[in-house]
Amino acid sequence: MLKTRIITALIGIPVLLFILYQGGLAWTALFVLLGIVALYEYLDMMQKSGRQPQFLSAYGLLLLLLFREQTALYFHPLLMAIIILMVLECVLWYPKFNLEDIALNFLGAFYIGFLFSFALQIQTIDQPFFTMLLVLLVTWGADIGGYLFGRLWGKTKMTPQLSPNKTWAGAAGGIILASAAAAVFSYIFPLPGLNITQILIMAVLGSIAAQLGDLFASAIKRFFGTKDSGYIIPGHGGVLDRFDSFMLVLPVIYYFIFFMR
């Protein structure tokens, strides 16, 4: 498993960075595809747990949120149309669709679509490629730091019922490594208008968001009674398994840069 994870990372990371460096349509297509696959995994987990996803309205909401800036003029009418569709599906096909199905359907589409939309929004600010690299570094730093510190010094469990392997030492390690990675990166590739103190604050907030995103994804999988969201990424599971932390880091760094500059 570890060998597969390493091979996948060695192939996947350069491809990811190449697409991000190209920007434009390639960048947009990447995150739209990730959002579509992530929602499919969510709806598939929902269905396998005995519930009834509403695929049409879910994907409609996902795409509307992903392109919320491009559809700003018509956003509210389109959102209202999707809500009416959800209500119709429940009313016309009750009890096949019930209130729990609608709530879970809306949650998955909204959470994935809204968070991934910030990956598209980052293209609109200065130096989008380096900003996205910072998002990735903070995410990876939180993940690796959490694993290493947890293995070495982790004793006190943070959320034993939700994720037994998460410890407070690991959480601290994630913050430390994410902050160190962001500081080194900003020294080599400085982002205009942000000093080292602001970078460190942003990294701390981003690391906390990364760990919360990971734990929330664990809560979703536990609720649906599954270990992994999917199997599309060899050794890493599904898109939700691999990008759960990243998704919540995106808006933190986007808004931090947007309001601090």
C-alpha atoms as a PDB file:
ATOM      1  CA  MET A   1       0.000   0.000   0.000  1.00  0.00           C
ATOM      2  CA  LEU A   2       2.770   2.463   0.911  1.00  0.00           C
ATOM      3  CA  LYS A   3       4.621   1.681  -2.328  1.00  0.00           C
ATOM      4  CA  THR A   4       1.443   2.313  -4.330  1.00  0.00           C
ATOM      5  CA  ARG A   5       0.852   5.605  -2.516  1.00  0.00           C
ATOM      6  CA  ILE A   6       4.397   6.781  -3.247  1.00  0.00           C
ATOM      7  CA  ILE A   7       4.231   5.815  -6.931  1.00  0.00           C
ATOM      8  CA  THR A   8       0.873   7.555  -7.311  1.00  0.00           C
ATOM      9  CA  ALA A   9       2.245  10.699  -5.653  1.00  0.00           C
ATOM     10  CA  LEU A  10       5.385  10.697  -7.828  1.00  0.00           C
ATOM     11  CA  ILE A  11       3.226  10.573 -10.941  1.00  0.00           C
ATOM     12  CA  GLY A  12       0.247  12.597  -9.771  1.00  0.00           C
ATOM     13  CA  ILE A  13       1.966  15.618  -8.206  1.00  0.00           C
ATOM     14  CA  PRO A  14       3.960  16.617 -11.342  1.00  0.00           C
ATOM     15  CA  VAL A  15       0.828  16.209 -13.472  1.00  0.00           C
ATOM     16  CA  LEU A  16      -1.146  18.332 -11.013  1.00  0.00           C
ATOM     17  CA  LEU A  17       1.506  21.053 -10.967  1.00  0.00           C
ATOM     18  CA  PHE A  18       1.755  21.039 -14.769  1.00  0.00           C
ATOM     19  CA  ILE A  19      -1.994  21.571 -15.124  1.00  0.00           C
ATOM     20  CA  LEU A  20      -1.968  24.345 -12.529  1.00  0.00           C
ATOM     21  CA  TYR A  21       0.962  26.029 -14.277  1.00  0.00           C
ATOM     22  CA  GLN A  22      -0.974  25.992 -17.569  1.00  0.00           C
ATOM     23  CA  GLY A  23      -3.853  27.795 -15.867  1.00  0.00           C
ATOM     24  CA  GLY A  24      -6.929  28.883 -17.784  1.00  0.00           C
ATOM     25  CA  LEU A  25      -9.181  26.180 -19.181  1.00  0.00           C
ATOM     26  CA  ALA A  26      -6.942  23.329 -17.981  1.00  0.00           C
ATOM     27  CA  TRP A  27      -7.063  24.656 -14.408  1.00  0.00           C
ATOM     28  CA  THR A  28     -10.848  25.091 -14.542  1.00  0.00           C
ATOM     29  CA  ALA A  29     -11.434  21.666 -16.108  1.00  0.00           C
ATOM     30  CA  LEU A  30      -9.297  19.988 -13.433  1.00  0.00           C
ATOM     31  CA  PHE A  31     -11.288  21.321 -10.500  1.00  0.00           C
ATOM     32  CA  VAL A  32     -14.656  20.881 -12.190  1.00  0.00           C
ATOM     33  CA  LEU A  33     -13.716  17.235 -12.794  1.00  0.00           C
ATOM     34  CA  LEU A  34     -12.551  16.819  -9.199  1.00  0.00           C
ATOM     35  CA  GLY A  35     -15.811  18.325  -7.957  1.00  0.00           C
ATOM     36  CA  ILE A  36     -17.912  16.034 -10.156  1.00  0.00           C
ATOM     37  CA  VAL A  37     -16.016  12.910  -9.065  1.00  0.00           C
ATOM     38  CA  ALA A  38     -16.087  13.947  -5.396  1.00  0.00           C
ATOM     39  CA  LEU A  39     -19.857  14.433  -5.525  1.00  0.00           C
ATOM     40  CA  TYR A  40     -20.288  11.093  -7.285  1.00  0.00           C
ATOM     41  CA  GLU A  41     -18.351   9.426  -4.459  1.00  0.00           C
ATOM     42  CA  TYR A  42     -20.516  11.165  -1.870  1.00  0.00           C
ATOM     43  CA  LEU A  43     -23.757  10.183  -3.596  1.00  0.00           C
ATOM     44  CA  ASP A  44     -22.473   6.639  -4.082  1.00  0.00           C
ATOM     45  CA  MET A  45     -21.736   6.329  -0.353  1.00  0.00           C
ATOM     46  CA  MET A  46     -25.187   7.724   0.320  1.00  0.00           C
ATOM     47  CA  GLN A  47     -26.828   5.191  -1.982  1.00  0.00           C
ATOM     48  CA  LYS A  48     -24.872   2.227  -0.629  1.00  0.00           C
ATOM     49  CA  SER A  49     -26.012   3.165   2.876  1.00  0.00           C
ATOM     50  CA  GLY A  50     -29.623   2.608   1.819  1.00  0.00           C
ATOM     51  CA  ARG A  51     -30.557   6.216   1.069  1.00  0.00           C
ATOM     52  CA  GLN A  52     -31.780   7.733  -2.190  1.00  0.00           C
ATOM     53  CA  PRO A  53     -29.591  10.473  -3.733  1.00  0.00           C
ATOM     54  CA  GLN A  54     -31.125  12.986  -6.137  1.00  0.00           C
ATOM     55  CA  PHE A  55     -28.480  13.019  -8.844  1.00  0.00           C
ATOM     56  CA  LEU A  56     -29.985  15.642 -11.151  1.00  0.00           C
ATOM     57  CA  SER A  57     -30.543  18.330  -8.536  1.00  0.00           C
ATOM     58  CA  ALA A  58     -27.254  17.500  -6.777  1.00  0.00           C
ATOM     59  CA  TYR A  59     -25.160  17.972  -9.913  1.00  0.00           C
ATOM     60  CA  GLY A  60     -27.144  21.058 -10.838  1.00  0.00           C
ATOM     61  CA  LEU A  61     -26.324  22.616  -7.463  1.00  0.00           C
ATOM     62  CA  LEU A  62     -22.677  21.548  -7.715  1.00  0.00           C
ATOM     63  CA  LEU A  63     -22.174  23.182 -11.122  1.00  0.00           C
ATOM     64  CA  LEU A  64     -24.076  26.312 -10.107  1.00  0.00           C
ATOM     65  CA  LEU A  65     -21.831  26.768  -7.064  1.00  0.00           C
ATOM     66  CA  LEU A  66     -18.643  26.015  -9.009  1.00  0.00           C
ATOM     67  CA  PHE A  67     -19.524  28.730 -11.529  1.00  0.00           C
ATOM     68  CA  ARG A  68     -21.258  31.081  -9.099  1.00  0.00           C
ATOM     69  CA  GLU A  69     -19.222  34.097 -10.230  1.00  0.00           C
ATOM     70  CA  GLN A  70     -19.836  33.409 -13.923  1.00  0.00           C
ATOM     71  CA  THR A  71     -23.583  32.989 -13.307  1.00  0.00           C
ATOM     72  CA  ALA A  72     -23.858  35.786 -10.726  1.00  0.00           C
ATOM     73  CA  LEU A  73     -26.606  37.621 -12.642  1.00  0.00           C
ATOM     74  CA  TYR A  74     -28.813  34.504 -12.725  1.00  0.00           C
ATOM     75  CA  PHE A  75     -27.548  32.769  -9.580  1.00  0.00           C
ATOM     76  CA  HIS A  76     -30.627  33.225  -7.416  1.00  0.00           C
ATOM     77  CA  PRO A  77     -33.203  32.207 -10.058  1.00  0.00           C
ATOM     78  CA  LEU A  78     -31.122  29.139 -10.922  1.00  0.00           C
ATOM     79  CA  LEU A  79     -30.729  28.254  -7.241  1.00  0.00           C
ATOM     80  CA  MET A  80     -34.483  28.605  -6.786  1.00  0.00           C
ATOM     81  CA  ALA A  81     -35.059  26.281  -9.754  1.00  0.00           C
ATOM     82  CA  ILE A  82     -32.795  23.638  -8.211  1.00  0.00           C
ATOM     83  CA  ILE A  83     -34.564  23.928  -4.846  1.00  0.00           C
ATOM     84  CA  ILE A  84     -37.935  23.522  -6.561  1.00  0.00           C
ATOM     85  CA  LEU A  85     -36.591  20.457  -8.360  1.00  0.00           C
ATOM     86  CA  MET A  86     -35.516  18.932  -5.035  1.00  0.00           C
ATOM     87  CA  VAL A  87     -38.932  19.655  -3.538  1.00  0.00           C
ATOM     88  CA  LEU A  88     -40.718  18.178  -6.559  1.00  0.00           C
ATOM     89  CA  GLU A  89     -38.652  15.006  -6.405  1.00  0.00           C
ATOM     90  CA  CYS A  90     -39.570  14.587  -2.761  1.00  0.00           C
ATOM     91  CA  VAL A  91     -43.280  15.345  -3.251  1.00  0.00           C
ATOM     92  CA  LEU A  92     -43.827  13.313  -6.421  1.00  0.00           C
ATOM     93  CA  TRP A  93     -41.763  10.292  -5.449  1.00  0.00           C
ATOM     94  CA  TYR A  94     -42.359  10.147  -1.701  1.00  0.00           C
ATOM     95  CA  PRO A  95     -41.434   7.942   0.155  1.00  0.00           C
ATOM     96  CA  LYS A  96     -38.686   6.959  -2.309  1.00  0.00           C
ATOM     97  CA  PHE A  97     -37.201  10.384  -1.531  1.00  0.00           C
ATOM     98  CA  ASN A  98     -37.700  11.737   1.973  1.00  0.00           C
ATOM     99  CA  LEU A  99     -36.561  14.712   4.028  1.00  0.00           C
ATOM    100  CA  GLU A 100     -33.317  13.000   5.114  1.00  0.00           C
ATOM    101  CA  ASP A 101     -32.443  12.261   1.481  1.00  0.00           C
ATOM    102  CA  ILE A 102     -32.990  15.899   0.508  1.00  0.00           C
ATOM    103  CA  ALA A 103     -30.922  17.180   3.452  1.00  0.00           C
ATOM    104  CA  LEU A 104     -28.010  14.825   2.763  1.00  0.00           C
ATOM    105  CA  ASN A 105     -28.213  15.510  -0.966  1.00  0.00           C
ATOM    106  CA  PHE A 106     -28.093  19.274  -0.429  1.00  0.00           C
ATOM    107  CA  LEU A 107     -25.274  19.034   2.111  1.00  0.00           C
ATOM    108  CA  GLY A 108     -22.977  17.033  -0.171  1.00  0.00           C
ATOM    109  CA  ALA A 109     -23.558  19.154  -3.264  1.00  0.00           C
ATOM    110  CA  PHE A 110     -23.272  22.443  -1.359  1.00  0.00           C
ATOM    111  CA  TYR A 111     -20.171  21.485   0.636  1.00  0.00           C
ATOM    112  CA  ILE A 112     -18.237  20.127  -2.348  1.00  0.00           C
ATOM    113  CA  GLY A 113     -19.404  22.711  -4.874  1.00  0.00           C
ATOM    114  CA  PHE A 114     -18.911  25.761  -2.649  1.00  0.00           C
ATOM    115  CA  LEU A 115     -15.457  24.764  -1.415  1.00  0.00           C
ATOM    116  CA  PHE A 116     -14.097  23.704  -4.813  1.00  0.00           C
ATOM    117  CA  SER A 117     -15.385  26.987  -6.282  1.00  0.00           C
ATOM    118  CA  PHE A 118     -12.556  28.754  -4.450  1.00  0.00           C
ATOM    119  CA  ALA A 119     -10.069  26.835  -6.594  1.00  0.00           C
ATOM    120  CA  LEU A 120     -11.607  28.645  -9.566  1.00  0.00           C
ATOM    121  CA  GLN A 121     -11.709  31.942  -7.648  1.00  0.00           C
ATOM    122  CA  ILE A 122      -7.979  31.795  -6.947  1.00  0.00           C
ATOM    123  CA  GLN A 123      -7.405  32.311 -10.681  1.00  0.00           C
ATOM    124  CA  THR A 124      -8.777  35.834 -10.286  1.00  0.00           C
ATOM    125  CA  ILE A 125      -6.176  37.043  -7.747  1.00  0.00           C
ATOM    126  CA  ASP A 126      -2.496  37.921  -8.230  1.00  0.00           C
ATOM    127  CA  GLN A 127      -0.078  35.043  -8.792  1.00  0.00           C
ATOM    128  CA  PRO A 128      -2.685  32.239  -8.798  1.00  0.00           C
ATOM    129  CA  PHE A 129      -0.130  29.487  -9.443  1.00  0.00           C
ATOM    130  CA  PHE A 130       2.001  30.380  -6.420  1.00  0.00           C
ATOM    131  CA  THR A 131      -1.103  30.908  -4.296  1.00  0.00           C
ATOM    132  CA  MET A 132      -2.320  27.412  -5.179  1.00  0.00           C
ATOM    133  CA  LEU A 133       1.123  26.003  -4.408  1.00  0.00           C
ATOM    134  CA  LEU A 134       0.831  27.575  -0.976  1.00  0.00           C
ATOM    135  CA  VAL A 135      -2.576  25.939  -0.490  1.00  0.00           C
ATOM    136  CA  LEU A 136      -1.068  22.566  -1.406  1.00  0.00           C
ATOM    137  CA  LEU A 137       1.975  23.043   0.835  1.00  0.00           C
ATOM    138  CA  VAL A 138      -0.137  23.984   3.844  1.00  0.00           C
ATOM    139  CA  THR A 139      -2.394  20.986   3.199  1.00  0.00           C
ATOM    140  CA  TRP A 140       0.474  18.547   2.761  1.00  0.00           C
ATOM    141  CA  GLY A 141       2.371  20.056   5.690  1.00  0.00           C
ATOM    142  CA  ALA A 142      -0.622  19.586   7.967  1.00  0.00           C
ATOM    143  CA  ASP A 143      -1.049  16.003   6.783  1.00  0.00           C
ATOM    144  CA  ILE A 144       2.615  14.953   6.995  1.00  0.00           C
ATOM    145  CA  GLY A 145       3.276  16.852  10.215  1.00  0.00           C
ATOM    146  CA  GLY A 146       0.221  15.306  11.805  1.00  0.00           C
ATOM    147  CA  TYR A 147       1.345  11.821  10.808  1.00  0.00           C
ATOM    148  CA  LEU A 148       4.971  12.222  11.954  1.00  0.00           C
ATOM    149  CA  PHE A 149       4.302  13.956  15.263  1.00  0.00           C
ATOM    150  CA  GLY A 150       1.416  11.615  15.959  1.00  0.00           C
ATOM    151  CA  ARG A 151       3.613   8.572  15.407  1.00  0.00           C
ATOM    152  CA  LEU A 152       6.469   9.929  17.509  1.00  0.00           C
ATOM    153  CA  TRP A 153       4.704  11.649  20.409  1.00  0.00           C
ATOM    154  CA  GLY A 154       0.996  11.057  20.004  1.00  0.00           C
ATOM    155  CA  LYS A 155      -0.576   9.779  23.217  1.00  0.00           C
ATOM    156  CA  THR A 156      -3.691  11.828  23.907  1.00  0.00           C
ATOM    157  CA  LYS A 157      -6.435  11.121  21.381  1.00  0.00           C
ATOM    158  CA  MET A 158      -8.166  14.148  19.933  1.00  0.00           C
ATOM    159  CA  THR A 159     -11.429  12.597  18.661  1.00  0.00           C
ATOM    160  CA  PRO A 160     -11.242   8.878  19.516  1.00  0.00           C
ATOM    161  CA  GLN A 161     -14.772   8.063  18.400  1.00  0.00           C
ATOM    162  CA  LEU A 162     -14.391   9.849  15.104  1.00  0.00           C
ATOM    163  CA  SER A 163     -10.762   9.227  14.134  1.00  0.00           C
ATOM    164  CA  PRO A 164      -8.830   7.039  16.617  1.00  0.00           C
ATOM    165  CA  ASN A 165      -5.435   7.830  15.070  1.00  0.00           C
ATOM    166  CA  LYS A 166      -5.697  11.604  15.494  1.00  0.00           C
ATOM    167  CA  THR A 167      -3.811  12.988  18.481  1.00  0.00           C
ATOM    168  CA  TRP A 168      -3.184  16.443  19.906  1.00  0.00           C
ATOM    169  CA  ALA A 169       0.532  15.991  19.268  1.00  0.00           C
ATOM    170  CA  GLY A 170      -0.261  15.253  15.653  1.00  0.00           C
ATOM    171  CA  ALA A 171      -2.444  18.356  15.441  1.00  0.00           C
ATOM    172  CA  ALA A 172       0.422  20.478  16.797  1.00  0.00           C
ATOM    173  CA  GLY A 173       2.834  18.814  14.369  1.00  0.00           C
ATOM    174  CA  GLY A 174       0.556  19.634  11.484  1.00  0.00           C
ATOM    175  CA  ILE A 175       0.506  23.298  12.447  1.00  0.00           C
ATOM    176  CA  ILE A 176       4.293  23.402  12.907  1.00  0.00           C
ATOM    177  CA  LEU A 177       5.190  21.721   9.609  1.00  0.00           C
ATOM    178  CA  ALA A 178       2.576  23.644   7.615  1.00  0.00           C
ATOM    179  CA  SER A 179       3.871  26.922   9.062  1.00  0.00           C
ATOM    180  CA  ALA A 180       7.500  26.009   8.354  1.00  0.00           C
ATOM    181  CA  ALA A 181       6.680  25.006   4.773  1.00  0.00           C
ATOM    182  CA  ALA A 182       4.737  28.232   4.185  1.00  0.00           C
ATOM    183  CA  ALA A 183       7.558  30.357   5.661  1.00  0.00           C
ATOM    184  CA  VAL A 184      10.211  28.738   3.457  1.00  0.00           C
ATOM    185  CA  PHE A 185       7.996  28.987   0.392  1.00  0.00           C
ATOM    186  CA  SER A 186       7.185  32.661   0.991  1.00  0.00           C
ATOM    187  CA  TYR A 187      10.890  33.415   1.410  1.00  0.00           C
ATOM    188  CA  ILE A 188      11.665  31.853  -1.987  1.00  0.00           C
ATOM    189  CA  PHE A 189       8.476  33.023  -3.741  1.00  0.00           C
ATOM    190  CA  PRO A 190       7.193  36.073  -1.838  1.00  0.00           C
ATOM    191  CA  LEU A 191       3.540  36.956  -2.312  1.00  0.00           C
ATOM    192  CA  PRO A 192       3.095  40.736  -2.752  1.00  0.00           C
ATOM    193  CA  GLY A 193       1.555  42.497   0.230  1.00  0.00           C
ATOM    194  CA  LEU A 194       2.081  39.678   2.723  1.00  0.00           C
ATOM    195  CA  ASN A 195       4.851  39.723   5.333  1.00  0.00           C
ATOM    196  CA  ILE A 196       6.193  36.721   7.223  1.00  0.00           C
ATOM    197  CA  THR A 197       3.887  37.275  10.209  1.00  0.00           C
ATOM    198  CA  GLN A 198       0.828  37.270   7.980  1.00  0.00           C
ATOM    199  CA  ILE A 199       2.081  34.167   6.151  1.00  0.00           C
ATOM    200  CA  LEU A 200       2.517  32.315   9.457  1.00  0.00           C
ATOM    201  CA  ILE A 201      -0.947  33.325  10.680  1.00  0.00           C
ATOM    202  CA  MET A 202      -2.405  32.171   7.369  1.00  0.00           C
ATOM    203  CA  ALA A 203      -0.533  28.855   7.608  1.00  0.00           C
ATOM    204  CA  VAL A 204      -1.772  28.228  11.158  1.00  0.00           C
ATOM    205  CA  LEU A 205      -5.372  28.918  10.151  1.00  0.00           C
ATOM    206  CA  GLY A 206      -4.954  26.829   7.021  1.00  0.00           C
ATOM    207  CA  SER A 207      -3.494  23.918   8.960  1.00  0.00           C
ATOM    208  CA  ILE A 208      -6.375  23.979  11.426  1.00  0.00           C
ATOM    209  CA  ALA A 209      -8.817  24.045   8.498  1.00  0.00           C
ATOM    210  CA  ALA A 210      -6.999  21.111   6.861  1.00  0.00           C
ATOM    211  CA  GLN A 211      -7.341  18.994   9.979  1.00  0.00           C
ATOM    212  CA  LEU A 212     -10.992  19.944  10.418  1.00  0.00           C
ATOM    213  CA  GLY A 213     -11.667  19.024   6.785  1.00  0.00           C
ATOM    214  CA  ASP A 214     -10.056  15.634   7.302  1.00  0.00           C
ATOM    215  CA  LEU A 215     -12.091  14.983  10.444  1.00  0.00           C
ATOM    216  CA  PHE A 216     -15.325  16.112   8.800  1.00  0.00           C
ATOM    217  CA  ALA A 217     -14.714  13.703   5.914  1.00  0.00           C
ATOM    218  CA  SER A 218     -14.175  10.955   8.508  1.00  0.00           C
ATOM    219  CA  ALA A 219     -17.525  11.883  10.048  1.00  0.00           C
ATOM    220  CA  ILE A 220     -19.216  11.592   6.649  1.00  0.00           C
ATOM    221  CA  LYS A 221     -17.689   8.175   5.978  1.00  0.00           C
ATOM    222  CA  ARG A 222     -18.589   6.916   9.445  1.00  0.00           C
ATOM    223  CA  PHE A 223     -22.144   8.144   8.979  1.00  0.00           C
ATOM    224  CA  PHE A 224     -22.439   6.235   5.706  1.00  0.00           C
ATOM    225  CA  GLY A 225     -20.607   3.211   7.133  1.00  0.00           C
ATOM    226  CA  THR A 226     -17.657   3.082   4.727  1.00  0.00           C
ATOM    227  CA  LYS A 227     -13.882   3.235   5.077  1.00  0.00           C
ATOM    228  CA  ASP A 228     -12.974   5.019   1.840  1.00  0.00           C
ATOM    229  CA  SER A 229     -15.025   7.326  -0.354  1.00  0.00           C
ATOM    230  CA  GLY A 230     -13.772   5.642  -3.540  1.00  0.00           C
ATOM    231  CA  TYR A 231     -10.887   3.919  -5.300  1.00  0.00           C
ATOM    232  CA  ILE A 232     -10.051   6.178  -8.225  1.00  0.00           C
ATOM    233  CA  ILE A 233      -6.616   7.196  -6.849  1.00  0.00           C
ATOM    234  CA  PRO A 234      -4.451   4.084  -6.318  1.00  0.00           C
ATOM    235  CA  GLY A 235      -3.261   3.821  -2.739  1.00  0.00           C
ATOM    236  CA  HIS A 236      -5.147   6.946  -1.676  1.00  0.00           C
ATOM    237  CA  GLY A 237      -8.795   5.993  -2.067  1.00  0.00           C
ATOM    238  CA  GLY A 238     -11.144   8.488  -3.691  1.00  0.00           C
ATOM    239  CA  VAL A 239     -11.073  12.195  -4.456  1.00  0.00           C
ATOM    240  CA  LEU A 240     -12.816  12.969  -1.168  1.00  0.00           C
ATOM    241  CA  ASP A 241     -10.200  10.901   0.674  1.00  0.00           C
ATOM    242  CA  ARG A 242      -7.332  12.793  -0.945  1.00  0.00           C
ATOM    243  CA  PHE A 243      -8.784  16.308  -1.159  1.00  0.00           C
ATOM    244  CA  ASP A 244     -10.844  16.483   2.048  1.00  0.00           C
ATOM    245  CA  SER A 245      -8.290  18.718   3.790  1.00  0.00           C
ATOM    246  CA  PHE A 246      -7.421  20.705   0.674  1.00  0.00           C
ATOM    247  CA  MET A 247     -11.052  21.691   0.113  1.00  0.00           C
ATOM    248  CA  LEU A 248     -11.332  23.496   3.440  1.00  0.00           C
ATOM    249  CA  VAL A 249      -7.914  25.150   3.134  1.00  0.00           C
ATOM    250  CA  LEU A 250      -8.915  26.798  -0.172  1.00  0.00           C
ATOM    251  CA  PRO A 251     -11.350  29.411   1.205  1.00  0.00           C
ATOM    252  CA  VAL A 252      -9.158  30.144   4.232  1.00  0.00           C
ATOM    253  CA  ILE A 253      -6.162  31.137   2.122  1.00  0.00           C
ATOM    254  CA  TYR A 254      -8.278  32.796  -0.573  1.00  0.00           C
ATOM    255  CA  TYR A 255     -10.078  35.072   1.891  1.00  0.00           C
ATOM    256  CA  PHE A 256      -6.924  35.757   3.876  1.00  0.00           C
ATOM    257  CA  ILE A 257      -5.106  36.964   0.773  1.00  0.00           C
ATOM    258  CA  PHE A 258      -8.179  38.779  -0.569  1.00  0.00           C
ATOM    259  CA  PHE A 259      -8.710  40.831   2.605  1.00  0.00           C
ATOM    260  CA  MET A 260      -5.055  41.341   3.608  1.00  0.00           C
ATOM    261  CA  ARG A 261      -3.809  42.765   0.341  1.00  0.00           C
END
